[in-house]
Amino acid sequence: MAYIDAHGRPTDDPAAAVHGEITEFNGQGKPRRRTRFFLDDNALPWLPVSEPAFLLWVLAALTGVWLVVGVILGLV
């Protein structure tokens, strides 16, 4: 396994890795499969708040819509 942190330095900590490569070996010790990964930490430029805050507002709005529909249909 090869992990690279956000500053481009090699690291042994998987939690600090933002990209790297994981190599799986077969029974004879030969590389069988290589998997490369990266974590993209880009913010949405049109979003004035953080993504978790935005998703929380979306959840609240959908819950509100669900309650309004329930009241209209007489289910709540």
N, C-alpha and C. Protein backbone atom coordinates (compact mmCIF):
# COMPACT_ATOMS: atom_id res chain seq x y z
N MET A 1 0.84 -1.17 0.00
CA MET A 1 0.00 0.00 0.00
C MET A 1 0.89 1.24 0.00
N ALA A 2 0.47 2.20 -0.75
CA ALA A 2 1.17 3.48 -0.80
C ALA A 2 0.14 4.58 -0.60
N TYR A 3 0.29 5.32 0.49
CA TYR A 3 -0.63 6.42 0.80
C TYR A 3 0.10 7.74 0.67
N ILE A 4 -0.60 8.75 0.15
CA ILE A 4 -0.06 10.10 0.01
C ILE A 4 -1.00 11.05 0.73
N ASP A 5 -0.43 11.95 1.57
CA ASP A 5 -1.28 12.89 2.30
C ASP A 5 -1.58 14.13 1.45
N ALA A 6 -2.29 15.09 2.03
CA ALA A 6 -2.73 16.29 1.28
C ALA A 6 -1.56 17.17 0.85
N HIS A 7 -0.40 17.03 1.49
CA HIS A 7 0.76 17.84 1.14
C HIS A 7 1.70 17.12 0.17
N GLY A 8 1.30 15.94 -0.30
CA GLY A 8 2.10 15.21 -1.28
C GLY A 8 3.18 14.34 -0.66
N ARG A 9 3.15 14.17 0.64
CA ARG A 9 4.16 13.35 1.32
C ARG A 9 3.62 11.95 1.56
N PRO A 10 4.48 10.94 1.47
CA PRO A 10 4.04 9.57 1.79
C PRO A 10 3.67 9.47 3.27
N THR A 11 2.66 8.68 3.57
CA THR A 11 2.20 8.49 4.94
C THR A 11 1.78 7.05 5.15
N ASP A 12 1.83 6.59 6.39
CA ASP A 12 1.36 5.25 6.73
C ASP A 12 -0.05 5.27 7.29
N ASP A 13 -0.60 6.46 7.49
CA ASP A 13 -1.92 6.61 8.09
C ASP A 13 -3.00 6.65 7.00
N PRO A 14 -3.86 5.62 6.92
CA PRO A 14 -4.91 5.62 5.90
C PRO A 14 -5.91 6.77 6.07
N ALA A 15 -6.11 7.23 7.31
CA ALA A 15 -7.05 8.32 7.54
C ALA A 15 -6.54 9.65 6.99
N ALA A 16 -5.25 9.81 6.89
CA ALA A 16 -4.67 11.06 6.39
C ALA A 16 -4.45 11.03 4.88
N ALA A 17 -4.64 9.87 4.26
CA ALA A 17 -4.36 9.73 2.83
C ALA A 17 -5.44 10.39 1.99
N VAL A 18 -5.01 11.10 0.95
CA VAL A 18 -5.95 11.69 -0.01
C VAL A 18 -5.85 11.00 -1.37
N HIS A 19 -4.76 10.29 -1.61
CA HIS A 19 -4.68 9.42 -2.78
C HIS A 19 -3.58 8.40 -2.57
N GLY A 20 -3.57 7.38 -3.39
CA GLY A 20 -2.58 6.34 -3.25
C GLY A 20 -2.91 5.13 -4.09
N GLU A 21 -2.26 4.01 -3.75
CA GLU A 21 -2.42 2.79 -4.52
C GLU A 21 -2.41 1.60 -3.55
N ILE A 22 -3.33 0.69 -3.75
CA ILE A 22 -3.39 -0.53 -2.96
C ILE A 22 -3.12 -1.69 -3.91
N THR A 23 -2.14 -2.53 -3.57
CA THR A 23 -1.77 -3.66 -4.40
C THR A 23 -2.17 -4.95 -3.70
N GLU A 24 -2.91 -5.80 -4.38
CA GLU A 24 -3.29 -7.11 -3.86
C GLU A 24 -2.38 -8.15 -4.49
N PHE A 25 -1.94 -9.10 -3.67
CA PHE A 25 -1.03 -10.14 -4.14
C PHE A 25 -1.72 -11.49 -4.14
N ASN A 26 -1.28 -12.38 -5.05
CA ASN A 26 -1.84 -13.73 -5.09
C ASN A 26 -1.07 -14.62 -4.11
N GLY A 27 -1.33 -15.92 -4.12
CA GLY A 27 -0.69 -16.86 -3.20
C GLY A 27 0.80 -16.98 -3.39
N GLN A 28 1.31 -16.68 -4.58
CA GLN A 28 2.75 -16.78 -4.84
C GLN A 28 3.48 -15.46 -4.56
N GLY A 29 2.77 -14.47 -4.09
CA GLY A 29 3.40 -13.19 -3.77
C GLY A 29 3.55 -12.25 -4.96
N LYS A 30 2.92 -12.58 -6.08
CA LYS A 30 2.99 -11.72 -7.26
C LYS A 30 1.80 -10.76 -7.24
N PRO A 31 2.01 -9.54 -7.71
CA PRO A 31 0.89 -8.58 -7.75
C PRO A 31 -0.24 -9.10 -8.61
N ARG A 32 -1.45 -9.12 -8.06
CA ARG A 32 -2.61 -9.61 -8.78
C ARG A 32 -3.46 -8.46 -9.29
N ARG A 33 -3.65 -7.43 -8.45
CA ARG A 33 -4.49 -6.31 -8.84
C ARG A 33 -4.00 -5.05 -8.14
N ARG A 34 -4.02 -3.95 -8.86
CA ARG A 34 -3.68 -2.65 -8.29
C ARG A 34 -4.90 -1.76 -8.36
N THR A 35 -5.20 -1.11 -7.25
CA THR A 35 -6.34 -0.22 -7.17
C THR A 35 -5.84 1.16 -6.76
N ARG A 36 -6.07 2.14 -7.60
CA ARG A 36 -5.69 3.51 -7.28
C ARG A 36 -6.90 4.25 -6.77
N PHE A 37 -6.69 5.15 -5.81
CA PHE A 37 -7.80 5.91 -5.26
C PHE A 37 -7.39 7.35 -5.03
N PHE A 38 -8.37 8.24 -4.99
CA PHE A 38 -8.15 9.63 -4.64
C PHE A 38 -9.41 10.20 -4.03
N LEU A 39 -9.24 11.16 -3.15
CA LEU A 39 -10.36 11.84 -2.52
C LEU A 39 -10.34 13.28 -3.00
N ASP A 40 -11.43 13.71 -3.57
CA ASP A 40 -11.53 15.07 -4.10
C ASP A 40 -12.22 15.94 -3.06
N ASP A 41 -11.57 17.04 -2.69
CA ASP A 41 -12.12 17.91 -1.65
C ASP A 41 -12.40 19.29 -2.24
N ASN A 42 -13.20 19.33 -3.29
CA ASN A 42 -13.57 20.60 -3.90
C ASN A 42 -14.93 21.04 -3.42
N ALA A 43 -15.03 22.31 -3.12
CA ALA A 43 -16.32 22.86 -2.71
C ALA A 43 -17.09 23.31 -3.95
N LEU A 44 -18.40 23.31 -3.83
CA LEU A 44 -19.22 23.80 -4.93
C LEU A 44 -19.18 25.32 -4.93
N PRO A 45 -18.76 25.95 -6.02
CA PRO A 45 -18.57 27.41 -6.01
C PRO A 45 -19.86 28.21 -5.85
N TRP A 46 -20.99 27.66 -6.25
CA TRP A 46 -22.25 28.39 -6.17
C TRP A 46 -22.94 28.21 -4.83
N LEU A 47 -22.39 27.37 -3.96
CA LEU A 47 -23.03 27.08 -2.69
C LEU A 47 -22.47 28.00 -1.60
N PRO A 48 -23.30 28.88 -1.00
CA PRO A 48 -22.78 29.84 -0.03
C PRO A 48 -22.49 29.24 1.35
N VAL A 49 -22.95 28.01 1.62
CA VAL A 49 -22.71 27.35 2.91
C VAL A 49 -21.97 26.05 2.66
N SER A 50 -21.55 25.40 3.73
CA SER A 50 -20.85 24.13 3.57
C SER A 50 -21.82 23.06 3.06
N GLU A 51 -21.27 22.03 2.48
CA GLU A 51 -22.11 20.97 1.92
C GLU A 51 -22.94 20.26 2.98
N PRO A 52 -22.39 19.92 4.17
CA PRO A 52 -23.24 19.29 5.18
C PRO A 52 -24.40 20.19 5.63
N ALA A 53 -24.15 21.50 5.75
CA ALA A 53 -25.23 22.42 6.13
C ALA A 53 -26.30 22.46 5.04
N PHE A 54 -25.88 22.47 3.80
CA PHE A 54 -26.82 22.47 2.68
C PHE A 54 -27.68 21.20 2.69
N LEU A 55 -27.05 20.06 2.90
CA LEU A 55 -27.79 18.80 2.92
C LEU A 55 -28.75 18.73 4.11
N LEU A 56 -28.38 19.33 5.22
CA LEU A 56 -29.28 19.38 6.36
C LEU A 56 -30.51 20.22 6.04
N TRP A 57 -30.33 21.35 5.36
CA TRP A 57 -31.47 22.18 4.93
C TRP A 57 -32.35 21.44 3.93
N VAL A 58 -31.74 20.69 3.03
CA VAL A 58 -32.52 19.91 2.07
C VAL A 58 -33.35 18.86 2.80
N LEU A 59 -32.75 18.21 3.79
CA LEU A 59 -33.49 17.23 4.57
C LEU A 59 -34.66 17.88 5.31
N ALA A 60 -34.43 19.05 5.89
CA ALA A 60 -35.50 19.76 6.59
C ALA A 60 -36.62 20.16 5.63
N ALA A 61 -36.25 20.61 4.44
CA ALA A 61 -37.26 21.01 3.45
C ALA A 61 -38.08 19.81 2.99
N LEU A 62 -37.43 18.69 2.74
CA LEU A 62 -38.16 17.49 2.32
C LEU A 62 -39.08 16.98 3.43
N THR A 63 -38.64 17.07 4.67
CA THR A 63 -39.48 16.68 5.79
C THR A 63 -40.70 17.61 5.87
N GLY A 64 -40.48 18.90 5.67
CA GLY A 64 -41.59 19.85 5.66
C GLY A 64 -42.59 19.56 4.56
N VAL A 65 -42.10 19.27 3.37
CA VAL A 65 -42.98 18.93 2.25
C VAL A 65 -43.77 17.66 2.57
N TRP A 66 -43.11 16.68 3.16
CA TRP A 66 -43.77 15.43 3.53
C TRP A 66 -44.89 15.69 4.54
N LEU A 67 -44.62 16.56 5.52
CA LEU A 67 -45.67 16.88 6.50
C LEU A 67 -46.83 17.65 5.87
N VAL A 68 -46.55 18.59 4.98
CA VAL A 68 -47.61 19.34 4.31
C VAL A 68 -48.49 18.41 3.48
N VAL A 69 -47.88 17.50 2.75
CA VAL A 69 -48.65 16.54 1.95
C VAL A 69 -49.49 15.67 2.88
N GLY A 70 -48.93 15.27 4.01
CA GLY A 70 -49.69 14.47 4.97
C GLY A 70 -50.88 15.21 5.53
N VAL A 71 -50.72 16.50 5.81
CA VAL A 71 -51.82 17.32 6.33
C VAL A 71 -52.89 17.49 5.26
N ILE A 72 -52.48 17.75 4.03
CA ILE A 72 -53.44 17.94 2.94
C ILE A 72 -54.25 16.67 2.71
N LEU A 73 -53.60 15.53 2.77
CA LEU A 73 -54.29 14.26 2.54
C LEU A 73 -54.98 13.74 3.79
N GLY A 74 -54.83 14.43 4.90
CA GLY A 74 -55.49 14.03 6.14
C GLY A 74 -54.84 12.84 6.82
N LEU A 75 -53.58 12.60 6.53
CA LEU A 75 -52.88 11.46 7.10
C LEU A 75 -52.14 11.82 8.39
N VAL A 76 -51.96 13.08 8.63
CA VAL A 76 -51.22 13.51 9.83
C VAL A 76 -52.14 14.25 10.76
